Amino acid sequence: MWHWGRACARGDIDTLSALQTPDYNARTTQPAPRQASATAAAQTGIKEVRAQAQAQAQAQAQWRNVSVFRWKHQGDVAIVNYTTVSASSRARSIDRRQYWSQDNGHWRMFFDGMV
């Protein structure tokens, strides 16, 4: 999970993509189109990560109020809550939440969005 923060700060798209599940951000509150597939969801997720990484790298965003909650139910799951604060505009902060699951000893993110 901590690799994500370093990769995001560097704008390392390859590492960020490797840390995602194939259905990254497919689980949203908006209904998915009928023809949506895991591949389409993954492509959308990569675009979102690229945009987020570029924005945070350009603004030199800092992460504040980081909390991690972990539990086991049908597998290992972690919820990471954090606030991004833009260095260019200290008044601009965004609360975000990530969901991670552990698969074969590797943590992979399946959702990242604003709270």
C-alpha atoms as a PDB file:
ATOM      1  CA  MET A   1       0.000   0.000   0.000  1.00  0.00           C
ATOM      2  CA  TRP A   2       2.827   2.415   0.764  1.00  0.00           C
ATOM      3  CA  HIS A   3       4.302   1.780  -2.689  1.00  0.00           C
ATOM      4  CA  TRP A   4       1.213   3.508  -4.046  1.00  0.00           C
ATOM      5  CA  GLY A   5       2.023   6.806  -2.317  1.00  0.00           C
ATOM      6  CA  ARG A   6       5.586   6.840  -3.577  1.00  0.00           C
ATOM      7  CA  ALA A   7       4.530   5.848  -7.102  1.00  0.00           C
ATOM      8  CA  CYS A   8       1.824   8.508  -7.118  1.00  0.00           C
ATOM      9  CA  ALA A   9       4.274  11.200  -6.008  1.00  0.00           C
ATOM     10  CA  ARG A  10       6.633  10.187  -8.844  1.00  0.00           C
ATOM     11  CA  GLY A  11       3.821   9.883 -11.390  1.00  0.00           C
ATOM     12  CA  ASP A  12       4.851   6.241 -11.978  1.00  0.00           C
ATOM     13  CA  ILE A  13       1.896   4.970 -14.024  1.00  0.00           C
ATOM     14  CA  ASP A  14       3.303   1.461 -14.495  1.00  0.00           C
ATOM     15  CA  THR A  15       3.621   0.838 -10.747  1.00  0.00           C
ATOM     16  CA  LEU A  16       0.215   2.391 -10.052  1.00  0.00           C
ATOM     17  CA  SER A  17      -1.418   0.162 -12.679  1.00  0.00           C
ATOM     18  CA  ALA A  18       0.322  -2.920 -11.278  1.00  0.00           C
ATOM     19  CA  LEU A  19      -1.116  -2.152  -7.826  1.00  0.00           C
ATOM     20  CA  GLN A  20      -4.710  -2.262  -9.130  1.00  0.00           C
ATOM     21  CA  THR A  21      -7.067  -5.189  -9.413  1.00  0.00           C
ATOM     22  CA  PRO A  22      -8.419  -5.953 -12.902  1.00  0.00           C
ATOM     23  CA  ASP A  23     -11.805  -4.485 -11.882  1.00  0.00           C
ATOM     24  CA  TYR A  24     -10.340  -1.307 -10.326  1.00  0.00           C
ATOM     25  CA  ASN A  25     -13.056   1.282  -9.548  1.00  0.00           C
ATOM     26  CA  ALA A  26     -15.705  -0.894 -11.222  1.00  0.00           C
ATOM     27  CA  ARG A  27     -17.637  -0.899  -7.944  1.00  0.00           C
ATOM     28  CA  THR A  28     -19.120   2.589  -7.928  1.00  0.00           C
ATOM     29  CA  THR A  29     -22.494   4.014  -6.975  1.00  0.00           C
ATOM     30  CA  GLN A  30     -23.238   4.704 -10.650  1.00  0.00           C
ATOM     31  CA  PRO A  31     -24.865   1.874 -12.607  1.00  0.00           C
ATOM     32  CA  ALA A  32     -22.466   0.278 -15.074  1.00  0.00           C
ATOM     33  CA  PRO A  33     -23.395   0.138 -18.749  1.00  0.00           C
ATOM     34  CA  ARG A  34     -24.626  -3.299 -19.876  1.00  0.00           C
ATOM     35  CA  GLN A  35     -21.655  -3.889 -22.163  1.00  0.00           C
ATOM     36  CA  ALA A  36     -19.105  -2.951 -19.490  1.00  0.00           C
ATOM     37  CA  SER A  37     -16.432  -5.567 -18.882  1.00  0.00           C
ATOM     38  CA  ALA A  38     -13.545  -6.008 -16.477  1.00  0.00           C
ATOM     39  CA  THR A  39     -11.193  -4.929 -19.285  1.00  0.00           C
ATOM     40  CA  ALA A  40     -13.146  -1.730 -19.894  1.00  0.00           C
ATOM     41  CA  ALA A  41     -13.233  -1.032 -16.159  1.00  0.00           C
ATOM     42  CA  ALA A  42      -9.481  -1.571 -15.951  1.00  0.00           C
ATOM     43  CA  GLN A  43      -8.873   0.843 -18.842  1.00  0.00           C
ATOM     44  CA  THR A  44     -11.035   3.462 -17.136  1.00  0.00           C
ATOM     45  CA  GLY A  45      -9.166   2.866 -13.876  1.00  0.00           C
ATOM     46  CA  ILE A  46      -5.798   3.346 -15.572  1.00  0.00           C
ATOM     47  CA  LYS A  47      -6.978   6.663 -17.040  1.00  0.00           C
ATOM     48  CA  GLU A  48      -8.193   7.800 -13.605  1.00  0.00           C
ATOM     49  CA  VAL A  49      -4.923   6.807 -11.959  1.00  0.00           C
ATOM     50  CA  ARG A  50      -2.913   8.563 -14.655  1.00  0.00           C
ATOM     51  CA  ALA A  51      -4.908  11.785 -14.201  1.00  0.00           C
ATOM     52  CA  GLN A  52      -4.688  11.577 -10.402  1.00  0.00           C
ATOM     53  CA  ALA A  53      -0.952  10.846 -10.437  1.00  0.00           C
ATOM     54  CA  GLN A  54      -0.229  13.722 -12.786  1.00  0.00           C
ATOM     55  CA  ALA A  55      -2.346  16.154 -10.801  1.00  0.00           C
ATOM     56  CA  GLN A  56      -0.790  15.165  -7.486  1.00  0.00           C
ATOM     57  CA  ALA A  57       2.743  15.167  -8.871  1.00  0.00           C
ATOM     58  CA  GLN A  58       2.250  18.611 -10.400  1.00  0.00           C
ATOM     59  CA  ALA A  59       0.670  20.076  -7.296  1.00  0.00           C
ATOM     60  CA  GLN A  60       3.090  18.261  -4.949  1.00  0.00           C
ATOM     61  CA  ALA A  61       0.100  17.190  -2.873  1.00  0.00           C
ATOM     62  CA  GLN A  62       0.676  16.105   0.680  1.00  0.00           C
ATOM     63  CA  TRP A  63      -1.256  13.379   2.433  1.00  0.00           C
ATOM     64  CA  ARG A  64      -2.708  14.115   5.861  1.00  0.00           C
ATOM     65  CA  ASN A  65      -4.907  12.306   8.375  1.00  0.00           C
ATOM     66  CA  VAL A  66      -4.006   8.855   7.063  1.00  0.00           C
ATOM     67  CA  SER A  67      -5.775   5.944   8.735  1.00  0.00           C
ATOM     68  CA  VAL A  68      -5.751   2.259   7.856  1.00  0.00           C
ATOM     69  CA  PHE A  69      -8.387  -0.240   8.966  1.00  0.00           C
ATOM     70  CA  ARG A  70      -7.867  -3.926   8.258  1.00  0.00           C
ATOM     71  CA  TRP A  71     -10.005  -7.004   8.748  1.00  0.00           C
ATOM     72  CA  LYS A  72     -10.437 -10.580   7.614  1.00  0.00           C
ATOM     73  CA  HIS A  73     -13.778 -11.826   6.439  1.00  0.00           C
ATOM     74  CA  GLN A  74     -13.607 -13.630   3.120  1.00  0.00           C
ATOM     75  CA  GLY A  75     -10.003 -12.518   2.760  1.00  0.00           C
ATOM     76  CA  ASP A  76      -7.748  -9.713   3.892  1.00  0.00           C
ATOM     77  CA  VAL A  77      -9.203  -6.256   3.217  1.00  0.00           C
ATOM     78  CA  ALA A  78      -7.895  -2.820   4.162  1.00  0.00           C
ATOM     79  CA  ILE A  79      -9.548   0.594   4.019  1.00  0.00           C
ATOM     80  CA  VAL A  80      -7.252   3.598   3.785  1.00  0.00           C
ATOM     81  CA  ASN A  81      -8.690   7.035   4.519  1.00  0.00           C
ATOM     82  CA  TYR A  82      -6.606  10.109   3.780  1.00  0.00           C
ATOM     83  CA  THR A  83      -6.784  13.795   2.925  1.00  0.00           C
ATOM     84  CA  THR A  84      -4.802  15.320   0.075  1.00  0.00           C
ATOM     85  CA  VAL A  85      -3.691  18.910   0.512  1.00  0.00           C
ATOM     86  CA  SER A  86      -2.419  20.782  -2.519  1.00  0.00           C
ATOM     87  CA  ALA A  87       0.865  22.628  -1.959  1.00  0.00           C
ATOM     88  CA  SER A  88      -0.215  25.306  -4.445  1.00  0.00           C
ATOM     89  CA  SER A  89      -3.423  26.015  -2.540  1.00  0.00           C
ATOM     90  CA  ARG A  90      -3.367  25.009   1.125  1.00  0.00           C
ATOM     91  CA  ALA A  91      -7.084  25.711   1.411  1.00  0.00           C
ATOM     92  CA  ARG A  92      -7.820  22.972  -1.129  1.00  0.00           C
ATOM     93  CA  SER A  93      -8.096  19.588   0.543  1.00  0.00           C
ATOM     94  CA  ILE A  94      -9.896  16.453  -0.570  1.00  0.00           C
ATOM     95  CA  ASP A  95     -10.892  13.507   1.610  1.00  0.00           C
ATOM     96  CA  ARG A  96     -10.358  10.194  -0.163  1.00  0.00           C
ATOM     97  CA  ARG A  97     -10.802   6.497   0.552  1.00  0.00           C
ATOM     98  CA  GLN A  98      -9.107   3.437  -0.894  1.00  0.00           C
ATOM     99  CA  TYR A  99     -10.066  -0.220  -0.621  1.00  0.00           C
ATOM    100  CA  TRP A 100      -7.331  -2.852  -0.883  1.00  0.00           C
ATOM    101  CA  SER A 101      -7.478  -6.636  -0.926  1.00  0.00           C
ATOM    102  CA  GLN A 102      -4.709  -9.147  -0.424  1.00  0.00           C
ATOM    103  CA  ASP A 103      -4.295 -11.829  -3.043  1.00  0.00           C
ATOM    104  CA  ASN A 104      -1.464 -14.376  -2.912  1.00  0.00           C
ATOM    105  CA  GLY A 105       0.477 -12.188  -0.498  1.00  0.00           C
ATOM    106  CA  HIS A 106       0.190  -9.024  -2.620  1.00  0.00           C
ATOM    107  CA  TRP A 107      -1.960  -6.013  -1.761  1.00  0.00           C
ATOM    108  CA  ARG A 108      -3.903  -4.579  -4.693  1.00  0.00           C
ATOM    109  CA  MET A 109      -6.269  -1.609  -4.742  1.00  0.00           C
ATOM    110  CA  PHE A 110      -9.791  -2.166  -6.052  1.00  0.00           C
ATOM    111  CA  PHE A 111     -11.228   1.304  -5.378  1.00  0.00           C
ATOM    112  CA  ASP A 112     -10.003   4.863  -4.844  1.00  0.00           C
ATOM    113  CA  GLY A 113     -12.393   7.781  -4.695  1.00  0.00           C
ATOM    114  CA  MET A 114     -13.507  10.917  -2.896  1.00  0.00           C
ATOM    115  CA  VAL A 115     -15.446  10.557   0.327  1.00  0.00           C
END
